[in-house]
């Protein structure tokens, strides 16, 4: 037996609606949060590089210089 559920357009505002398992949603949400943190750190590093606060290195031996 299959059940049909009708979602009014007023709820979705005409957008498409998808249904995912909670486990999958939580995994995607965690990944999105981690990506946001990583992108924030990358942006901060790029800003500090532009401001001359840090310098790029090619190898660990460059740290001794």
PDB file of N, CA and C in Angstrom:
ATOM      1  N   UNK A   1       0.847  -1.174   0.000  1.00  0.00           N
ATOM      2  CA  UNK A   1       0.000   0.000   0.000  1.00  0.00           C
ATOM      3  C   UNK A   1       0.895   1.241   0.000  1.00  0.00           C
ATOM      4  N   UNK A   2       0.675   2.150  -0.920  1.00  0.00           N
ATOM      5  CA  UNK A   2       1.448   3.391  -0.939  1.00  0.00           C
ATOM      6  C   UNK A   2       0.570   4.533  -0.458  1.00  0.00           C
ATOM      7  N   UNK A   3       1.189   5.455   0.198  1.00  0.00           N
ATOM      8  CA  UNK A   3       0.485   6.612   0.730  1.00  0.00           C
ATOM      9  C   UNK A   3       0.909   7.837  -0.064  1.00  0.00           C
ATOM     10  N   UNK A   4      -0.046   8.627  -0.459  1.00  0.00           N
ATOM     11  CA  UNK A   4       0.237   9.861  -1.175  1.00  0.00           C
ATOM     12  C   UNK A   4      -0.005  11.031  -0.244  1.00  0.00           C
ATOM     13  N   UNK A   5       0.986  11.902  -0.170  1.00  0.00           N
ATOM     14  CA  UNK A   5       0.864  13.105   0.657  1.00  0.00           C
ATOM     15  C   UNK A   5       0.954  14.298  -0.280  1.00  0.00           C
ATOM     16  N   UNK A   6       0.014  15.196  -0.170  1.00  0.00           N
ATOM     17  CA  UNK A   6       0.010  16.393  -0.996  1.00  0.00           C
ATOM     18  C   UNK A   6       0.501  17.568  -0.165  1.00  0.00           C
ATOM     19  N   UNK A   7       1.544  18.224  -0.659  1.00  0.00           N
ATOM     20  CA  UNK A   7       2.098  19.396   0.015  1.00  0.00           C
ATOM     21  C   UNK A   7       1.578  20.627  -0.721  1.00  0.00           C
ATOM     22  N   UNK A   8       0.874  21.507  -0.026  1.00  0.00           N
ATOM     23  CA  UNK A   8       0.352  22.702  -0.685  1.00  0.00           C
ATOM     24  C   UNK A   8       1.476  23.601  -1.207  1.00  0.00           C
ATOM     25  N   UNK A   9       1.250  24.246  -2.335  1.00  0.00           N
ATOM     26  CA  UNK A   9       2.244  25.154  -2.901  1.00  0.00           C
ATOM     27  C   UNK A   9       2.514  26.327  -1.970  1.00  0.00           C
ATOM     28  N   UNK A  10       1.552  26.655  -1.115  1.00  0.00           N
ATOM     29  CA  UNK A  10       1.768  27.758  -0.177  1.00  0.00           C
ATOM     30  C   UNK A  10       2.864  27.418   0.833  1.00  0.00           C
ATOM     31  N   UNK A  11       3.083  26.132   1.079  1.00  0.00           N
ATOM     32  CA  UNK A  11       4.131  25.711   2.012  1.00  0.00           C
ATOM     33  C   UNK A  11       5.498  25.773   1.335  1.00  0.00           C
ATOM     34  N   UNK A  12       5.573  25.321   0.093  1.00  0.00           N
ATOM     35  CA  UNK A  12       6.855  25.280  -0.618  1.00  0.00           C
ATOM     36  C   UNK A  12       7.114  26.540  -1.438  1.00  0.00           C
ATOM     37  N   UNK A  13       6.156  27.430  -1.502  1.00  0.00           N
ATOM     38  CA  UNK A  13       6.254  28.669  -2.284  1.00  0.00           C
ATOM     39  C   UNK A  13       6.614  28.370  -3.735  1.00  0.00           C
ATOM     40  N   UNK A  14       6.116  27.260  -4.252  1.00  0.00           N
ATOM     41  CA  UNK A  14       6.344  26.889  -5.642  1.00  0.00           C
ATOM     42  C   UNK A  14       7.681  26.223  -5.906  1.00  0.00           C
ATOM     43  N   UNK A  15       8.529  26.108  -4.870  1.00  0.00           N
ATOM     44  CA  UNK A  15       9.832  25.459  -5.041  1.00  0.00           C
ATOM     45  C   UNK A  15       9.677  23.952  -4.991  1.00  0.00           C
ATOM     46  N   UNK A  16      10.715  23.268  -5.506  1.00  0.00           N
ATOM     47  CA  UNK A  16      10.715  21.814  -5.439  1.00  0.00           C
ATOM     48  C   UNK A  16      10.967  21.386  -4.000  1.00  0.00           C
ATOM     49  N   UNK A  17      10.446  20.243  -3.642  1.00  0.00           N
ATOM     50  CA  UNK A  17      10.586  19.717  -2.289  1.00  0.00           C
ATOM     51  C   UNK A  17      11.168  18.319  -2.381  1.00  0.00           C
ATOM     52  N   UNK A  18      12.190  18.049  -1.563  1.00  0.00           N
ATOM     53  CA  UNK A  18      12.753  16.704  -1.534  1.00  0.00           C
ATOM     54  C   UNK A  18      12.688  16.164  -0.111  1.00  0.00           C
ATOM     55  N   UNK A  19      12.710  14.860  -0.009  1.00  0.00           N
ATOM     56  CA  UNK A  19      12.675  14.207   1.294  1.00  0.00           C
ATOM     57  C   UNK A  19      13.913  13.329   1.390  1.00  0.00           C
ATOM     58  N   UNK A  20      14.661  13.482   2.484  1.00  0.00           N
ATOM     59  CA  UNK A  20      15.851  12.658   2.713  1.00  0.00           C
ATOM     60  C   UNK A  20      15.771  12.066   4.110  1.00  0.00           C
ATOM     61  N   UNK A  21      16.476  10.950   4.288  1.00  0.00           N
ATOM     62  CA  UNK A  21      16.524  10.334   5.607  1.00  0.00           C
ATOM     63  C   UNK A  21      17.256  11.267   6.565  1.00  0.00           C
ATOM     64  N   UNK A  22      16.879  11.218   7.837  1.00  0.00           N
ATOM     65  CA  UNK A  22      17.491  12.082   8.845  1.00  0.00           C
ATOM     66  C   UNK A  22      19.007  11.887   8.879  1.00  0.00           C
ATOM     67  N   UNK A  23      19.454  10.645   8.816  1.00  0.00           N
ATOM     68  CA  UNK A  23      20.884  10.342   8.864  1.00  0.00           C
ATOM     69  C   UNK A  23      21.627  11.038   7.724  1.00  0.00           C
ATOM     70  N   UNK A  24      21.048  10.986   6.540  1.00  0.00           N
ATOM     71  CA  UNK A  24      21.666  11.630   5.386  1.00  0.00           C
ATOM     72  C   UNK A  24      21.665  13.149   5.550  1.00  0.00           C
ATOM     73  N   UNK A  25      20.551  13.707   6.033  1.00  0.00           N
ATOM     74  CA  UNK A  25      20.457  15.148   6.262  1.00  0.00           C
ATOM     75  C   UNK A  25      21.500  15.601   7.275  1.00  0.00           C
ATOM     76  N   UNK A  26      21.628  14.865   8.377  1.00  0.00           N
ATOM     77  CA  UNK A  26      22.585  15.243   9.411  1.00  0.00           C
ATOM     78  C   UNK A  26      24.015  15.180   8.882  1.00  0.00           C
ATOM     79  N   UNK A  27      24.301  14.195   8.034  1.00  0.00           N
ATOM     80  CA  UNK A  27      25.622  14.112   7.421  1.00  0.00           C
ATOM     81  C   UNK A  27      25.902  15.302   6.519  1.00  0.00           C
ATOM     82  N   UNK A  28      24.924  15.684   5.704  1.00  0.00           N
ATOM     83  CA  UNK A  28      25.091  16.839   4.822  1.00  0.00           C
ATOM     84  C   UNK A  28      25.235  18.121   5.635  1.00  0.00           C
ATOM     85  N   UNK A  29      24.456  18.238   6.712  1.00  0.00           N
ATOM     86  CA  UNK A  29      24.513  19.428   7.561  1.00  0.00           C
ATOM     87  C   UNK A  29      25.884  19.544   8.225  1.00  0.00           C
ATOM     88  N   UNK A  30      26.419  18.430   8.721  1.00  0.00           N
ATOM     89  CA  UNK A  30      27.743  18.421   9.347  1.00  0.00           C
ATOM     90  C   UNK A  30      28.812  18.818   8.329  1.00  0.00           C
ATOM     91  N   UNK A  31      28.716  18.264   7.130  1.00  0.00           N
ATOM     92  CA  UNK A  31      29.678  18.577   6.069  1.00  0.00           C
ATOM     93  C   UNK A  31      29.618  20.066   5.721  1.00  0.00           C
ATOM     94  N   UNK A  32      28.423  20.615   5.615  1.00  0.00           N
ATOM     95  CA  UNK A  32      28.258  22.028   5.290  1.00  0.00           C
ATOM     96  C   UNK A  32      28.884  22.904   6.371  1.00  0.00           C
ATOM     97  N   UNK A  33      28.678  22.531   7.624  1.00  0.00           N
ATOM     98  CA  UNK A  33      29.246  23.294   8.738  1.00  0.00           C
ATOM     99  C   UNK A  33      30.774  23.252   8.689  1.00  0.00           C
ATOM    100  N   UNK A  34      31.340  22.065   8.445  1.00  0.00           N
ATOM    101  CA  UNK A  34      32.793  21.919   8.363  1.00  0.00           C
ATOM    102  C   UNK A  34      33.362  22.719   7.193  1.00  0.00           C
ATOM    103  N   UNK A  35      32.659  22.729   6.072  1.00  0.00           N
ATOM    104  CA  UNK A  35      33.115  23.497   4.912  1.00  0.00           C
ATOM    105  C   UNK A  35      33.106  24.991   5.218  1.00  0.00           C
ATOM    106  N   UNK A  36      32.089  25.448   5.934  1.00  0.00           N
ATOM    107  CA  UNK A  36      32.020  26.856   6.319  1.00  0.00           C
ATOM    108  C   UNK A  36      33.200  27.256   7.189  1.00  0.00           C
ATOM    109  N   UNK A  37      33.551  26.395   8.141  1.00  0.00           N
ATOM    110  CA  UNK A  37      34.694  26.659   9.016  1.00  0.00           C
ATOM    111  C   UNK A  37      35.980  26.713   8.198  1.00  0.00           C
ATOM    112  N   UNK A  38      36.153  25.752   7.291  1.00  0.00           N
ATOM    113  CA  UNK A  38      37.362  25.709   6.459  1.00  0.00           C
ATOM    114  C   UNK A  38      37.464  26.944   5.570  1.00  0.00           C
ATOM    115  N   UNK A  39      36.361  27.346   4.955  1.00  0.00           N
ATOM    116  CA  UNK A  39      36.387  28.515   4.076  1.00  0.00           C
ATOM    117  C   UNK A  39      36.694  29.790   4.847  1.00  0.00           C
ATOM    118  N   UNK A  40      36.213  29.886   6.081  1.00  0.00           N
ATOM    119  CA  UNK A  40      36.512  31.038   6.929  1.00  0.00           C
ATOM    120  C   UNK A  40      38.008  31.100   7.222  1.00  0.00           C
ATOM    121  N   UNK A  41      38.601  29.957   7.542  1.00  0.00           N
ATOM    122  CA  UNK A  41      40.037  29.915   7.837  1.00  0.00           C
ATOM    123  C   UNK A  41      40.866  30.237   6.593  1.00  0.00           C
ATOM    124  N   UNK A  42      40.440  29.748   5.445  1.00  0.00           N
ATOM    125  CA  UNK A  42      41.150  30.048   4.196  1.00  0.00           C
ATOM    126  C   UNK A  42      41.095  31.544   3.903  1.00  0.00           C
ATOM    127  N   UNK A  43      39.925  32.147   4.068  1.00  0.00           N
ATOM    128  CA  UNK A  43      39.773  33.581   3.816  1.00  0.00           C
ATOM    129  C   UNK A  43      40.658  34.390   4.761  1.00  0.00           C
ATOM    130  N   UNK A  44      40.720  33.977   6.029  1.00  0.00           N
ATOM    131  CA  UNK A  44      41.564  34.684   6.997  1.00  0.00           C
ATOM    132  C   UNK A  44      43.038  34.566   6.601  1.00  0.00           C
ATOM    133  N   UNK A  45      43.457  33.370   6.173  1.00  0.00           N
ATOM    134  CA  UNK A  45      44.839  33.176   5.747  1.00  0.00           C
ATOM    135  C   UNK A  45      45.188  34.001   4.522  1.00  0.00           C
ATOM    136  N   UNK A  46      44.279  34.057   3.560  1.00  0.00           N
ATOM    137  CA  UNK A  46      44.519  34.859   2.356  1.00  0.00           C
ATOM    138  C   UNK A  46      44.628  36.340   2.697  1.00  0.00           C
ATOM    139  N   UNK A  47      43.799  36.796   3.624  1.00  0.00           N
ATOM    140  CA  UNK A  47      43.836  38.199   4.050  1.00  0.00           C
ATOM    141  C   UNK A  47      45.173  38.507   4.716  1.00  0.00           C
ATOM    142  N   UNK A  48      45.618  37.623   5.606  1.00  0.00           N
ATOM    143  CA  UNK A  48      46.891  37.836   6.287  1.00  0.00           C
ATOM    144  C   UNK A  48      48.059  37.788   5.299  1.00  0.00           C
ATOM    145  N   UNK A  49      47.960  36.953   4.277  1.00  0.00           N
ATOM    146  CA  UNK A  49      48.998  36.895   3.249  1.00  0.00           C
ATOM    147  C   UNK A  49      49.052  38.211   2.474  1.00  0.00           C
ATOM    148  N   UNK A  50      47.897  38.743   2.089  1.00  0.00           N
ATOM    149  CA  UNK A  50      47.847  40.023   1.374  1.00  0.00           C
ATOM    150  C   UNK A  50      48.414  41.152   2.226  1.00  0.00           C
ATOM    151  N   UNK A  51      48.154  41.103   3.540  1.00  0.00           N
ATOM    152  CA  UNK A  51      48.620  42.159   4.442  1.00  0.00           C
ATOM    153  C   UNK A  51      50.091  41.994   4.819  1.00  0.00           C
ATOM    154  N   UNK A  52      50.718  40.914   4.374  1.00  0.00           N
ATOM    155  CA  UNK A  52      52.126  40.689   4.664  1.00  0.00           C
ATOM    156  C   UNK A  52      52.398  40.134   6.050  1.00  0.00           C
ATOM    157  N   UNK A  53      51.379  39.680   6.739  1.00  0.00           N
ATOM    158  CA  UNK A  53      51.555  39.128   8.083  1.00  0.00           C
ATOM    159  C   UNK A  53      52.183  37.741   8.046  1.00  0.00           C
ATOM    160  N   UNK A  54      52.025  37.046   6.925  1.00  0.00           N
ATOM    161  CA  UNK A  54      52.612  35.716   6.762  1.00  0.00           C
ATOM    162  C   UNK A  54      53.272  35.649   5.395  1.00  0.00           C
ATOM    163  N   UNK A  55      54.184  34.691   5.237  1.00  0.00           N
ATOM    164  CA  UNK A  55      54.823  34.526   3.933  1.00  0.00           C
ATOM    165  C   UNK A  55      54.726  33.062   3.528  1.00  0.00           C
ATOM    166  N   UNK A  56      54.600  32.800   2.247  1.00  0.00           N
ATOM    167  CA  UNK A  56      54.521  31.405   1.782  1.00  0.00           C
ATOM    168  C   UNK A  56      55.881  30.720   1.881  1.00  0.00           C
ATOM    169  N   UNK A  57      55.875  29.415   2.120  1.00  0.00           N
ATOM    170  CA  UNK A  57      57.107  28.631   2.144  1.00  0.00           C
ATOM    171  C   UNK A  57      56.948  27.458   1.184  1.00  0.00           C
ATOM    172  N   UNK A  58      58.075  26.983   0.658  1.00  0.00           N
ATOM    173  CA  UNK A  58      58.057  25.852  -0.269  1.00  0.00           C
ATOM    174  C   UNK A  58      58.382  24.542   0.421  1.00  0.00           C
ATOM    175  N   UNK A  59      59.129  24.621   1.520  1.00  0.00           N
ATOM    176  CA  UNK A  59      59.477  23.407   2.251  1.00  0.00           C
ATOM    177  C   UNK A  59      59.719  23.768   3.716  1.00  0.00           C
ATOM    178  N   UNK A  60      59.827  22.764   4.555  1.00  0.00           N
ATOM    179  CA  UNK A  60      60.058  23.008   5.975  1.00  0.00           C
ATOM    180  C   UNK A  60      61.421  23.639   6.226  1.00  0.00           C
ATOM    181  N   UNK A  61      62.369  23.430   5.329  1.00  0.00           N
ATOM    182  CA  UNK A  61      63.688  24.044   5.504  1.00  0.00           C
ATOM    183  C   UNK A  61      63.613  25.565   5.385  1.00  0.00           C
ATOM    184  N   UNK A  62      62.589  26.086   4.729  1.00  0.00           N
ATOM    185  CA  UNK A  62      62.403  27.535   4.626  1.00  0.00           C
ATOM    186  C   UNK A  62      62.081  28.157   5.978  1.00  0.00           C
ATOM    187  N   UNK A  63      61.637  27.368   6.930  1.00  0.00           N
ATOM    188  CA  UNK A  63      61.303  27.894   8.252  1.00  0.00           C
ATOM    189  C   UNK A  63      62.548  28.333   9.011  1.00  0.00           C
ATOM    190  N   UNK A  64      63.703  27.752   8.691  1.00  0.00           N
ATOM    191  CA  UNK A  64      64.944  28.099   9.377  1.00  0.00           C
ATOM    192  C   UNK A  64      65.496  29.443   8.929  1.00  0.00           C
ATOM    193  N   UNK A  65      65.026  29.943   7.833  1.00  0.00           N
ATOM    194  CA  UNK A  65      65.564  31.190   7.269  1.00  0.00           C
ATOM    195  C   UNK A  65      64.952  32.398   7.915  1.00  0.00           C
TER     196      UNK A  65
END
